[in-house]
Amino acid sequence: MAEQNADDQKFHDLIADKRVELKNNNLFFIKVPNIIFDRYFRDVQDRIYAFLREKTGNEALQFRVAVDVEQREAVAYMPREKFEEMAQRNPAMHSLRKLFPDIDF
């Protein structure tokens, strides 16, 4: 019994913060951040169906899991990359660089 309660809590925690979109009258898309969540959702899809159908009262509901990977900006690590990034934001950096040619990045 305690194991089932722990599984229920884990299940509710898993679906609590996911973005769910209704695409048509009976099809939901659940967006997850990576493939691990996708695999887990496939493992518990029967419970998800039961949960969604109980909450909505619609027995015809279907869902699909969509992996929504965040696109991250490239971060500048090398001194030249840092300078170029700063120069994009403030073109006056090139003028400053010309005033002090002996200073390396």
PDB file of N, CA and C in Angstrom:
ATOM      1  N   MET A   1       0.818  -1.199   0.000  1.00  0.00           N
ATOM      2  CA  MET A   1       0.000   0.000   0.000  1.00  0.00           C
ATOM      3  C   MET A   1       0.861   1.262   0.000  1.00  0.00           C
ATOM      4  N   ALA A   2       1.894   1.253   0.861  1.00  0.00           N
ATOM      5  CA  ALA A   2       2.776   2.414   0.933  1.00  0.00           C
ATOM      6  C   ALA A   2       3.517   2.606  -0.386  1.00  0.00           C
ATOM      7  N   GLU A   3       3.908   1.496  -1.038  1.00  0.00           N
ATOM      8  CA  GLU A   3       4.596   1.579  -2.327  1.00  0.00           C
ATOM      9  C   GLU A   3       3.681   2.175  -3.389  1.00  0.00           C
ATOM     10  N   GLN A   4       2.406   1.817  -3.361  1.00  0.00           N
ATOM     11  CA  GLN A   4       1.449   2.360  -4.326  1.00  0.00           C
ATOM     12  C   GLN A   4       1.253   3.858  -4.097  1.00  0.00           C
ATOM     13  N   ASN A   5       1.185   4.296  -2.832  1.00  0.00           N
ATOM     14  CA  ASN A   5       1.060   5.718  -2.534  1.00  0.00           C
ATOM     15  C   ASN A   5       2.282   6.485  -3.007  1.00  0.00           C
ATOM     16  N   ALA A   6       3.466   5.905  -2.838  1.00  0.00           N
ATOM     17  CA  ALA A   6       4.686   6.545  -3.319  1.00  0.00           C
ATOM     18  C   ALA A   6       4.671   6.639  -4.839  1.00  0.00           C
ATOM     19  N   ASP A   7       4.209   5.588  -5.516  1.00  0.00           N
ATOM     20  CA  ASP A   7       4.102   5.619  -6.977  1.00  0.00           C
ATOM     21  C   ASP A   7       3.090   6.662  -7.421  1.00  0.00           C
ATOM     22  N   ASP A   8       1.962   6.764  -6.711  1.00  0.00           N
ATOM     23  CA  ASP A   8       0.947   7.769  -7.042  1.00  0.00           C
ATOM     24  C   ASP A   8       1.508   9.175  -6.890  1.00  0.00           C
ATOM     25  N   GLN A   9       2.246   9.414  -5.820  1.00  0.00           N
ATOM     26  CA  GLN A   9       2.831  10.738  -5.599  1.00  0.00           C
ATOM     27  C   GLN A   9       3.841  11.055  -6.689  1.00  0.00           C
ATOM     28  N   LYS A  10       4.664  10.082  -7.052  1.00  0.00           N
ATOM     29  CA  LYS A  10       5.662  10.287  -8.115  1.00  0.00           C
ATOM     30  C   LYS A  10       4.969  10.574  -9.442  1.00  0.00           C
ATOM     31  N   PHE A  11       3.893   9.857  -9.710  1.00  0.00           N
ATOM     32  CA  PHE A  11       3.127  10.065 -10.937  1.00  0.00           C
ATOM     33  C   PHE A  11       2.531  11.470 -10.977  1.00  0.00           C
ATOM     34  N   HIS A  12       1.906  11.893  -9.891  1.00  0.00           N
ATOM     35  CA  HIS A  12       1.307  13.230  -9.850  1.00  0.00           C
ATOM     36  C   HIS A  12       2.370  14.324  -9.931  1.00  0.00           C
ATOM     37  N   ASP A  13       3.515  14.121  -9.286  1.00  0.00           N
ATOM     38  CA  ASP A  13       4.610  15.082  -9.388  1.00  0.00           C
ATOM     39  C   ASP A  13       5.116  15.172 -10.823  1.00  0.00           C
ATOM     40  N   LEU A  14       5.148  14.041 -11.497  1.00  0.00           N
ATOM     41  CA  LEU A  14       5.638  14.006 -12.875  1.00  0.00           C
ATOM     42  C   LEU A  14       4.751  14.814 -13.816  1.00  0.00           C
ATOM     43  N   ILE A  15       3.442  14.680 -13.689  1.00  0.00           N
ATOM     44  CA  ILE A  15       2.556  15.358 -14.634  1.00  0.00           C
ATOM     45  C   ILE A  15       2.127  16.738 -14.164  1.00  0.00           C
ATOM     46  N   ALA A  16       2.462  17.102 -12.933  1.00  0.00           N
ATOM     47  CA  ALA A  16       1.971  18.356 -12.362  1.00  0.00           C
ATOM     48  C   ALA A  16       2.451  19.591 -13.110  1.00  0.00           C
ATOM     49  N   ASP A  17       3.692  19.645 -13.539  1.00  0.00           N
ATOM     50  CA  ASP A  17       4.230  20.865 -14.133  1.00  0.00           C
ATOM     51  C   ASP A  17       4.413  20.789 -15.648  1.00  0.00           C
ATOM     52  N   LYS A  18       3.861  19.780 -16.268  1.00  0.00           N
ATOM     53  CA  LYS A  18       4.008  19.634 -17.718  1.00  0.00           C
ATOM     54  C   LYS A  18       2.963  20.460 -18.449  1.00  0.00           C
ATOM     55  N   ARG A  19       3.378  21.018 -19.575  1.00  0.00           N
ATOM     56  CA  ARG A  19       2.474  21.807 -20.398  1.00  0.00           C
ATOM     57  C   ARG A  19       1.668  20.867 -21.282  1.00  0.00           C
ATOM     58  N   VAL A  20       0.370  20.987 -21.198  1.00  0.00           N
ATOM     59  CA  VAL A  20      -0.527  20.125 -21.966  1.00  0.00           C
ATOM     60  C   VAL A  20      -1.309  21.012 -22.925  1.00  0.00           C
ATOM     61  N   GLU A  21      -1.307  20.632 -24.206  1.00  0.00           N
ATOM     62  CA  GLU A  21      -2.019  21.401 -25.225  1.00  0.00           C
ATOM     63  C   GLU A  21      -3.083  20.532 -25.866  1.00  0.00           C
ATOM     64  N   LEU A  22      -4.272  21.085 -26.019  1.00  0.00           N
ATOM     65  CA  LEU A  22      -5.358  20.388 -26.702  1.00  0.00           C
ATOM     66  C   LEU A  22      -5.288  20.751 -28.179  1.00  0.00           C
ATOM     67  N   LYS A  23      -5.040  19.762 -29.033  1.00  0.00           N
ATOM     68  CA  LYS A  23      -4.906  20.010 -30.466  1.00  0.00           C
ATOM     69  C   LYS A  23      -6.236  19.916 -31.198  1.00  0.00           C
ATOM     70  N   ASN A  24      -7.078  18.999 -30.821  1.00  0.00           N
ATOM     71  CA  ASN A  24      -8.434  18.940 -31.340  1.00  0.00           C
ATOM     72  C   ASN A  24      -9.318  18.454 -30.198  1.00  0.00           C
ATOM     73  N   ASN A  25     -10.518  18.065 -30.450  1.00  0.00           N
ATOM     74  CA  ASN A  25     -11.441  17.740 -29.364  1.00  0.00           C
ATOM     75  C   ASN A  25     -10.965  16.625 -28.450  1.00  0.00           C
ATOM     76  N   ASN A  26     -10.180  15.675 -28.963  1.00  0.00           N
ATOM     77  CA  ASN A  26      -9.827  14.518 -28.147  1.00  0.00           C
ATOM     78  C   ASN A  26      -8.331  14.222 -28.073  1.00  0.00           C
ATOM     79  N   LEU A  27      -7.489  15.076 -28.608  1.00  0.00           N
ATOM     80  CA  LEU A  27      -6.055  14.784 -28.644  1.00  0.00           C
ATOM     81  C   LEU A  27      -5.278  15.844 -27.867  1.00  0.00           C
ATOM     82  N   PHE A  28      -4.563  15.394 -26.831  1.00  0.00           N
ATOM     83  CA  PHE A  28      -3.697  16.256 -26.036  1.00  0.00           C
ATOM     84  C   PHE A  28      -2.249  15.983 -26.392  1.00  0.00           C
ATOM     85  N   PHE A  29      -1.436  17.022 -26.371  1.00  0.00           N
ATOM     86  CA  PHE A  29       0.009  16.877 -26.491  1.00  0.00           C
ATOM     87  C   PHE A  29       0.612  17.276 -25.161  1.00  0.00           C
ATOM     88  N   ILE A  30       1.434  16.402 -24.595  1.00  0.00           N
ATOM     89  CA  ILE A  30       2.133  16.690 -23.350  1.00  0.00           C
ATOM     90  C   ILE A  30       3.581  16.962 -23.722  1.00  0.00           C
ATOM     91  N   LYS A  31       4.063  18.155 -23.418  1.00  0.00           N
ATOM     92  CA  LYS A  31       5.443  18.511 -23.751  1.00  0.00           C
ATOM     93  C   LYS A  31       6.353  18.189 -22.580  1.00  0.00           C
ATOM     94  N   VAL A  32       7.425  17.464 -22.889  1.00  0.00           N
ATOM     95  CA  VAL A  32       8.403  17.066 -21.880  1.00  0.00           C
ATOM     96  C   VAL A  32       9.781  17.566 -22.307  1.00  0.00           C
ATOM     97  N   PRO A  33      10.688  17.773 -21.350  1.00  0.00           N
ATOM     98  CA  PRO A  33      11.983  18.381 -21.686  1.00  0.00           C
ATOM     99  C   PRO A  33      13.017  17.459 -22.308  1.00  0.00           C
ATOM    100  N   ASN A  34      12.864  16.126 -22.160  1.00  0.00           N
ATOM    101  CA  ASN A  34      13.879  15.237 -22.723  1.00  0.00           C
ATOM    102  C   ASN A  34      13.320  13.836 -22.948  1.00  0.00           C
ATOM    103  N   ILE A  35      14.137  12.986 -23.543  1.00  0.00           N
ATOM    104  CA  ILE A  35      13.722  11.640 -23.935  1.00  0.00           C
ATOM    105  C   ILE A  35      13.465  10.740 -22.727  1.00  0.00           C
ATOM    106  N   ILE A  36      14.081  11.023 -21.592  1.00  0.00           N
ATOM    107  CA  ILE A  36      13.851  10.213 -20.391  1.00  0.00           C
ATOM    108  C   ILE A  36      12.404  10.349 -19.937  1.00  0.00           C
ATOM    109  N   PHE A  37      11.887  11.572 -19.942  1.00  0.00           N
ATOM    110  CA  PHE A  37      10.479  11.777 -19.606  1.00  0.00           C
ATOM    111  C   PHE A  37       9.579  11.079 -20.625  1.00  0.00           C
ATOM    112  N   ASP A  38       9.960  11.146 -21.887  1.00  0.00           N
ATOM    113  CA  ASP A  38       9.185  10.499 -22.941  1.00  0.00           C
ATOM    114  C   ASP A  38       9.057   9.004 -22.662  1.00  0.00           C
ATOM    115  N   ARG A  39      10.160   8.366 -22.328  1.00  0.00           N
ATOM    116  CA  ARG A  39      10.136   6.930 -22.025  1.00  0.00           C
ATOM    117  C   ARG A  39       9.273   6.643 -20.808  1.00  0.00           C
ATOM    118  N   TYR A  40       9.391   7.468 -19.783  1.00  0.00           N
ATOM    119  CA  TYR A  40       8.593   7.241 -18.586  1.00  0.00           C
ATOM    120  C   TYR A  40       7.101   7.391 -18.895  1.00  0.00           C
ATOM    121  N   PHE A  41       6.745   8.425 -19.676  1.00  0.00           N
ATOM    122  CA  PHE A  41       5.345   8.609 -20.034  1.00  0.00           C
ATOM    123  C   PHE A  41       4.814   7.413 -20.815  1.00  0.00           C
ATOM    124  N   ARG A  42       5.630   6.833 -21.651  1.00  0.00           N
ATOM    125  CA  ARG A  42       5.186   5.645 -22.395  1.00  0.00           C
ATOM    126  C   ARG A  42       4.969   4.459 -21.459  1.00  0.00           C
ATOM    127  N   ASP A  43       5.802   4.371 -20.413  1.00  0.00           N
ATOM    128  CA  ASP A  43       5.646   3.282 -19.446  1.00  0.00           C
ATOM    129  C   ASP A  43       4.365   3.410 -18.631  1.00  0.00           C
ATOM    130  N   VAL A  44       3.935   4.638 -18.371  1.00  0.00           N
ATOM    131  CA  VAL A  44       2.753   4.850 -17.511  1.00  0.00           C
ATOM    132  C   VAL A  44       1.563   5.398 -18.297  1.00  0.00           C
ATOM    133  N   GLN A  45       1.537   5.161 -19.604  1.00  0.00           N
ATOM    134  CA  GLN A  45       0.484   5.754 -20.418  1.00  0.00           C
ATOM    135  C   GLN A  45      -0.915   5.297 -20.014  1.00  0.00           C
ATOM    136  N   ASP A  46      -1.069   4.075 -19.538  1.00  0.00           N
ATOM    137  CA  ASP A  46      -2.386   3.614 -19.097  1.00  0.00           C
ATOM    138  C   ASP A  46      -2.887   4.442 -17.912  1.00  0.00           C
ATOM    139  N   ARG A  47      -1.980   4.740 -16.998  1.00  0.00           N
ATOM    140  CA  ARG A  47      -2.362   5.560 -15.847  1.00  0.00           C
ATOM    141  C   ARG A  47      -2.683   6.984 -16.278  1.00  0.00           C
ATOM    142  N   ILE A  48      -1.944   7.492 -17.263  1.00  0.00           N
ATOM    143  CA  ILE A  48      -2.213   8.847 -17.756  1.00  0.00           C
ATOM    144  C   ILE A  48      -3.584   8.902 -18.406  1.00  0.00           C
ATOM    145  N   TYR A  49      -3.871   7.906 -19.241  1.00  0.00           N
ATOM    146  CA  TYR A  49      -5.205   7.856 -19.859  1.00  0.00           C
ATOM    147  C   TYR A  49      -6.291   7.843 -18.796  1.00  0.00           C
ATOM    148  N   ALA A  50      -6.130   6.991 -17.788  1.00  0.00           N
ATOM    149  CA  ALA A  50      -7.137   6.898 -16.729  1.00  0.00           C
ATOM    150  C   ALA A  50      -7.282   8.225 -15.999  1.00  0.00           C
ATOM    151  N   PHE A  51      -6.152   8.863 -15.707  1.00  0.00           N
ATOM    152  CA  PHE A  51      -6.167  10.138 -14.990  1.00  0.00           C
ATOM    153  C   PHE A  51      -6.862  11.223 -15.812  1.00  0.00           C
ATOM    154  N   LEU A  52      -6.457  11.379 -17.079  1.00  0.00           N
ATOM    155  CA  LEU A  52      -7.045  12.423 -17.927  1.00  0.00           C
ATOM    156  C   LEU A  52      -8.529  12.176 -18.184  1.00  0.00           C
ATOM    157  N   ARG A  53      -8.875  10.938 -18.432  1.00  0.00           N
ATOM    158  CA  ARG A  53     -10.277  10.611 -18.709  1.00  0.00           C
ATOM    159  C   ARG A  53     -11.151  10.814 -17.477  1.00  0.00           C
ATOM    160  N   GLU A  54     -10.617  10.495 -16.312  1.00  0.00           N
ATOM    161  CA  GLU A  54     -11.377  10.704 -15.074  1.00  0.00           C
ATOM    162  C   GLU A  54     -11.580  12.197 -14.805  1.00  0.00           C
ATOM    163  N   LYS A  55     -10.519  12.987 -14.993  1.00  0.00           N
ATOM    164  CA  LYS A  55     -10.602  14.422 -14.702  1.00  0.00           C
ATOM    165  C   LYS A  55     -11.491  15.166 -15.691  1.00  0.00           C
ATOM    166  N   THR A  56     -11.508  14.719 -16.941  1.00  0.00           N
ATOM    167  CA  THR A  56     -12.289  15.437 -17.952  1.00  0.00           C
ATOM    168  C   THR A  56     -13.651  14.822 -18.214  1.00  0.00           C
ATOM    169  N   GLY A  57     -13.817  13.562 -17.857  1.00  0.00           N
ATOM    170  CA  GLY A  57     -15.076  12.881 -18.145  1.00  0.00           C
ATOM    171  C   GLY A  57     -15.227  12.524 -19.617  1.00  0.00           C
ATOM    172  N   ASN A  58     -14.144  12.535 -20.359  1.00  0.00           N
ATOM    173  CA  ASN A  58     -14.153  12.244 -21.785  1.00  0.00           C
ATOM    174  C   ASN A  58     -13.386  10.942 -22.026  1.00  0.00           C
ATOM    175  N   GLU A  59     -14.098   9.884 -22.360  1.00  0.00           N
ATOM    176  CA  GLU A  59     -13.481   8.580 -22.563  1.00  0.00           C
ATOM    177  C   GLU A  59     -12.718   8.471 -23.885  1.00  0.00           C
ATOM    178  N   ALA A  60     -12.905   9.404 -24.787  1.00  0.00           N
ATOM    179  CA  ALA A  60     -12.268   9.337 -26.092  1.00  0.00           C
ATOM    180  C   ALA A  60     -10.912  10.059 -26.133  1.00  0.00           C
ATOM    181  N   LEU A  61     -10.452  10.563 -25.002  1.00  0.00           N
ATOM    182  CA  LEU A  61      -9.195  11.307 -24.984  1.00  0.00           C
ATOM    183  C   LEU A  61      -8.009  10.447 -25.395  1.00  0.00           C
ATOM    184  N   GLN A  62      -7.119  11.055 -26.121  1.00  0.00           N
ATOM    185  CA  GLN A  62      -5.847  10.456 -26.517  1.00  0.00           C
ATOM    186  C   GLN A  62      -4.758  11.471 -26.188  1.00  0.00           C
ATOM    187  N   PHE A  63      -3.527  11.001 -26.021  1.00  0.00           N
ATOM    188  CA  PHE A  63      -2.435  11.944 -25.822  1.00  0.00           C
ATOM    189  C   PHE A  63      -1.213  11.500 -26.584  1.00  0.00           C
ATOM    190  N   ARG A  64      -0.371  12.465 -26.869  1.00  0.00           N
ATOM    191  CA  ARG A  64       0.919  12.229 -27.505  1.00  0.00           C
ATOM    192  C   ARG A  64       1.950  12.997 -26.691  1.00  0.00           C
ATOM    193  N   VAL A  65       3.121  12.417 -26.584  1.00  0.00           N
ATOM    194  CA  VAL A  65       4.211  13.066 -25.871  1.00  0.00           C
ATOM    195  C   VAL A  65       5.113  13.721 -26.906  1.00  0.00           C
ATOM    196  N   ALA A  66       5.414  14.995 -26.679  1.00  0.00           N
ATOM    197  CA  ALA A  66       6.310  15.730 -27.571  1.00  0.00           C
ATOM    198  C   ALA A  66       7.518  16.185 -26.766  1.00  0.00           C
ATOM    199  N   VAL A  67       8.702  15.819 -27.216  1.00  0.00           N
ATOM    200  CA  VAL A  67       9.927  16.244 -26.544  1.00  0.00           C
ATOM    201  C   VAL A  67      10.234  17.654 -27.013  1.00  0.00           C
ATOM    202  N   ASP A  68      10.267  18.578 -26.061  1.00  0.00           N
ATOM    203  CA  ASP A  68      10.481  20.002 -26.343  1.00  0.00           C
ATOM    204  C   ASP A  68      11.851  20.399 -25.805  1.00  0.00           C
ATOM    205  N   VAL A  69      12.871  20.295 -26.645  1.00  0.00           N
ATOM    206  CA  VAL A  69      14.239  20.578 -26.233  1.00  0.00           C
ATOM    207  C   VAL A  69      14.487  22.075 -26.320  1.00  0.00           C
ATOM    208  N   GLU A  70      14.986  22.643 -25.223  1.00  0.00           N
ATOM    209  CA  GLU A  70      15.297  24.073 -25.199  1.00  0.00           C
ATOM    210  C   GLU A  70      16.540  24.338 -26.029  1.00  0.00           C
ATOM    211  N   GLN A  71      16.482  25.398 -26.797  1.00  0.00           N
ATOM    212  CA  GLN A  71      17.655  25.820 -27.549  1.00  0.00           C
ATOM    213  C   GLN A  71      18.453  26.788 -26.686  1.00  0.00           C
ATOM    214  N   ARG A  72      19.699  26.476 -26.479  1.00  0.00           N
ATOM    215  CA  ARG A  72      20.550  27.328 -25.649  1.00  0.00           C
ATOM    216  C   ARG A  72      21.485  28.134 -26.533  1.00  0.00           C
ATOM    217  N   GLU A  73      21.752  29.346 -26.090  1.00  0.00           N
ATOM    218  CA  GLU A  73      22.708  30.180 -26.809  1.00  0.00           C
ATOM    219  C   GLU A  73      24.117  29.687 -26.524  1.00  0.00           C
ATOM    220  N   ALA A  74      24.964  29.842 -27.511  1.00  0.00           N
ATOM    221  CA  ALA A  74      26.360  29.491 -27.304  1.00  0.00           C
ATOM    222  C   ALA A  74      26.979  30.514 -26.357  1.00  0.00           C
ATOM    223  N   VAL A  75      27.743  30.038 -25.410  1.00  0.00           N
ATOM    224  CA  VAL A  75      28.364  30.906 -24.423  1.00  0.00           C
ATOM    225  C   VAL A  75      29.826  31.096 -24.799  1.00  0.00           C
ATOM    226  N   ALA A  76      30.270  32.335 -24.732  1.00  0.00           N
ATOM    227  CA  ALA A  76      31.652  32.645 -25.067  1.00  0.00           C
ATOM    228  C   ALA A  76      32.556  32.314 -23.879  1.00  0.00           C
ATOM    229  N   TYR A  77      33.594  31.521 -24.143  1.00  0.00           N
ATOM    230  CA  TYR A  77      34.509  31.139 -23.077  1.00  0.00           C
ATOM    231  C   TYR A  77      35.912  31.693 -23.298  1.00  0.00           C
ATOM    232  N   MET A  78      36.346  31.749 -24.532  1.00  0.00           N
ATOM    233  CA  MET A  78      37.696  32.217 -24.831  1.00  0.00           C
ATOM    234  C   MET A  78      37.704  33.747 -24.841  1.00  0.00           C
ATOM    235  N   PRO A  79      38.850  34.360 -24.536  1.00  0.00           N
ATOM    236  CA  PRO A  79      38.908  35.829 -24.493  1.00  0.00           C
ATOM    237  C   PRO A  79      38.473  36.490 -25.801  1.00  0.00           C
ATOM    238  N   ARG A  80      38.863  35.940 -26.933  1.00  0.00           N
ATOM    239  CA  ARG A  80      38.471  36.538 -28.216  1.00  0.00           C
ATOM    240  C   ARG A  80      36.953  36.438 -28.408  1.00  0.00           C
ATOM    241  N   GLU A  81      36.373  35.291 -28.035  1.00  0.00           N
ATOM    242  CA  GLU A  81      34.922  35.127 -28.148  1.00  0.00           C
ATOM    243  C   GLU A  81      34.200  36.114 -27.241  1.00  0.00           C
ATOM    244  N   LYS A  82      34.723  36.324 -26.041  1.00  0.00           N
ATOM    245  CA  LYS A  82      34.117  37.292 -25.121  1.00  0.00           C
ATOM    246  C   LYS A  82      34.170  38.697 -25.707  1.00  0.00           C
ATOM    247  N   PHE A  83      35.333  39.047 -26.275  1.00  0.00           N
ATOM    248  CA  PHE A  83      35.462  40.368 -26.884  1.00  0.00           C
ATOM    249  C   PHE A  83      34.474  40.539 -28.029  1.00  0.00           C
ATOM    250  N   GLU A  84      34.376  39.552 -28.902  1.00  0.00           N
ATOM    251  CA  GLU A  84      33.459  39.649 -30.045  1.00  0.00           C
ATOM    252  C   GLU A  84      32.009  39.781 -29.590  1.00  0.00           C
ATOM    253  N   GLU A  85      31.657  39.054 -28.540  1.00  0.00           N
ATOM    254  CA  GLU A  85      30.293  39.155 -28.025  1.00  0.00           C
ATOM    255  C   GLU A  85      30.036  40.544 -27.442  1.00  0.00           C
ATOM    256  N   MET A  86      31.004  41.067 -26.704  1.00  0.00           N
ATOM    257  CA  MET A  86      30.842  42.428 -26.159  1.00  0.00           C
ATOM    258  C   MET A  86      30.797  43.450 -27.278  1.00  0.00           C
ATOM    259  N   ALA A  87      31.598  43.249 -28.328  1.00  0.00           N
ATOM    260  CA  ALA A  87      31.625  44.185 -29.449  1.00  0.00           C
ATOM    261  C   ALA A  87      30.308  44.162 -30.229  1.00  0.00           C
ATOM    262  N   GLN A  88      29.639  43.039 -30.259  1.00  0.00           N
ATOM    263  CA  GLN A  88      28.321  42.989 -30.909  1.00  0.00           C
ATOM    264  C   GLN A  88      27.325  43.862 -30.157  1.00  0.00           C
ATOM    265  N   ARG A  89      27.419  43.840 -28.846  1.00  0.00           N
ATOM    266  CA  ARG A  89      26.509  44.643 -28.029  1.00  0.00           C
ATOM    267  C   ARG A  89      26.897  46.115 -28.018  1.00  0.00           C
ATOM    268  N   ASN A  90      28.214  46.380 -28.110  1.00  0.00           N
ATOM    269  CA  ASN A  90      28.712  47.745 -28.057  1.00  0.00           C
ATOM    270  C   ASN A  90      29.839  47.899 -29.082  1.00  0.00           C
ATOM    271  N   PRO A  91      29.495  48.372 -30.285  1.00  0.00           N
ATOM    272  CA  PRO A  91      30.504  48.505 -31.353  1.00  0.00           C
ATOM    273  C   PRO A  91      31.669  49.423 -30.992  1.00  0.00           C
ATOM    274  N   ALA A  92      31.525  50.265 -29.991  1.00  0.00           N
ATOM    275  CA  ALA A  92      32.611  51.149 -29.574  1.00  0.00           C
ATOM    276  C   ALA A  92      33.798  50.358 -29.025  1.00  0.00           C
ATOM    277  N   MET A  93      33.600  49.098 -28.736  1.00  0.00           N
ATOM    278  CA  MET A  93      34.697  48.259 -28.252  1.00  0.00           C
ATOM    279  C   MET A  93      35.813  48.157 -29.300  1.00  0.00           C
ATOM    280  N   HIS A  94      35.441  48.182 -30.578  1.00  0.00           N
ATOM    281  CA  HIS A  94      36.461  48.131 -31.634  1.00  0.00           C
ATOM    282  C   HIS A  94      37.312  49.391 -31.601  1.00  0.00           C
ATOM    283  N   SER A  95      36.716  50.533 -31.372  1.00  0.00           N
ATOM    284  CA  SER A  95      37.472  51.786 -31.265  1.00  0.00           C
ATOM    285  C   SER A  95      38.407  51.737 -30.065  1.00  0.00           C
ATOM    286  N   LEU A  96      37.932  51.236 -28.967  1.00  0.00           N
ATOM    287  CA  LEU A  96      38.757  51.110 -27.767  1.00  0.00           C
ATOM    288  C   LEU A  96      39.936  50.179 -28.025  1.00  0.00           C
ATOM    289  N   ARG A  97      39.680  49.128 -28.745  1.00  0.00           N
ATOM    290  CA  ARG A  97      40.747  48.172 -29.074  1.00  0.00           C
ATOM    291  C   ARG A  97      41.830  48.837 -29.937  1.00  0.00           C
ATOM    292  N   LYS A  98      41.410  49.727 -30.854  1.00  0.00           N
ATOM    293  CA  LYS A  98      42.377  50.434 -31.712  1.00  0.00           C
ATOM    294  C   LYS A  98      43.208  51.430 -30.904  1.00  0.00           C
ATOM    295  N   LEU A  99      42.632  51.992 -29.839  1.00  0.00           N
ATOM    296  CA  LEU A  99      43.378  52.928 -28.982  1.00  0.00           C
ATOM    297  C   LEU A  99      44.477  52.216 -28.199  1.00  0.00           C
ATOM    298  N   PHE A 100      44.243  50.942 -27.883  1.00  0.00           N
ATOM    299  CA  PHE A 100      45.217  50.172 -27.095  1.00  0.00           C
ATOM    300  C   PHE A 100      45.603  48.900 -27.853  1.00  0.00           C
ATOM    301  N   PRO A 101      46.394  49.044 -28.942  1.00  0.00           N
ATOM    302  CA  PRO A 101      46.710  47.878 -29.768  1.00  0.00           C
ATOM    303  C   PRO A 101      47.627  46.861 -29.089  1.00  0.00           C
ATOM    304  N   ASP A 102      48.386  47.293 -28.071  1.00  0.00           N
ATOM    305  CA  ASP A 102      49.307  46.356 -27.428  1.00  0.00           C
ATOM    306  C   ASP A 102      48.633  45.462 -26.390  1.00  0.00           C
ATOM    307  N   ILE A 103      47.380  45.734 -26.064  1.00  0.00           N
ATOM    308  CA  ILE A 103      46.665  44.893 -25.115  1.00  0.00           C
ATOM    309  C   ILE A 103      45.996  43.755 -25.883  1.00  0.00           C
ATOM    310  N   ASP A 104      46.300  42.557 -25.418  1.00  0.00           N
ATOM    311  CA  ASP A 104      45.709  41.388 -26.056  1.00  0.00           C
ATOM    312  C   ASP A 104      44.346  41.147 -25.440  1.00  0.00           C
ATOM    313  N   PHE A 105      43.562  40.314 -26.064  1.00  0.00           N
ATOM    314  CA  PHE A 105      42.209  40.027 -25.574  1.00  0.00           C
ATOM    315  C   PHE A 105      42.304  39.603 -24.171  1.00  0.00           C
TER     316      PHE A 105
END
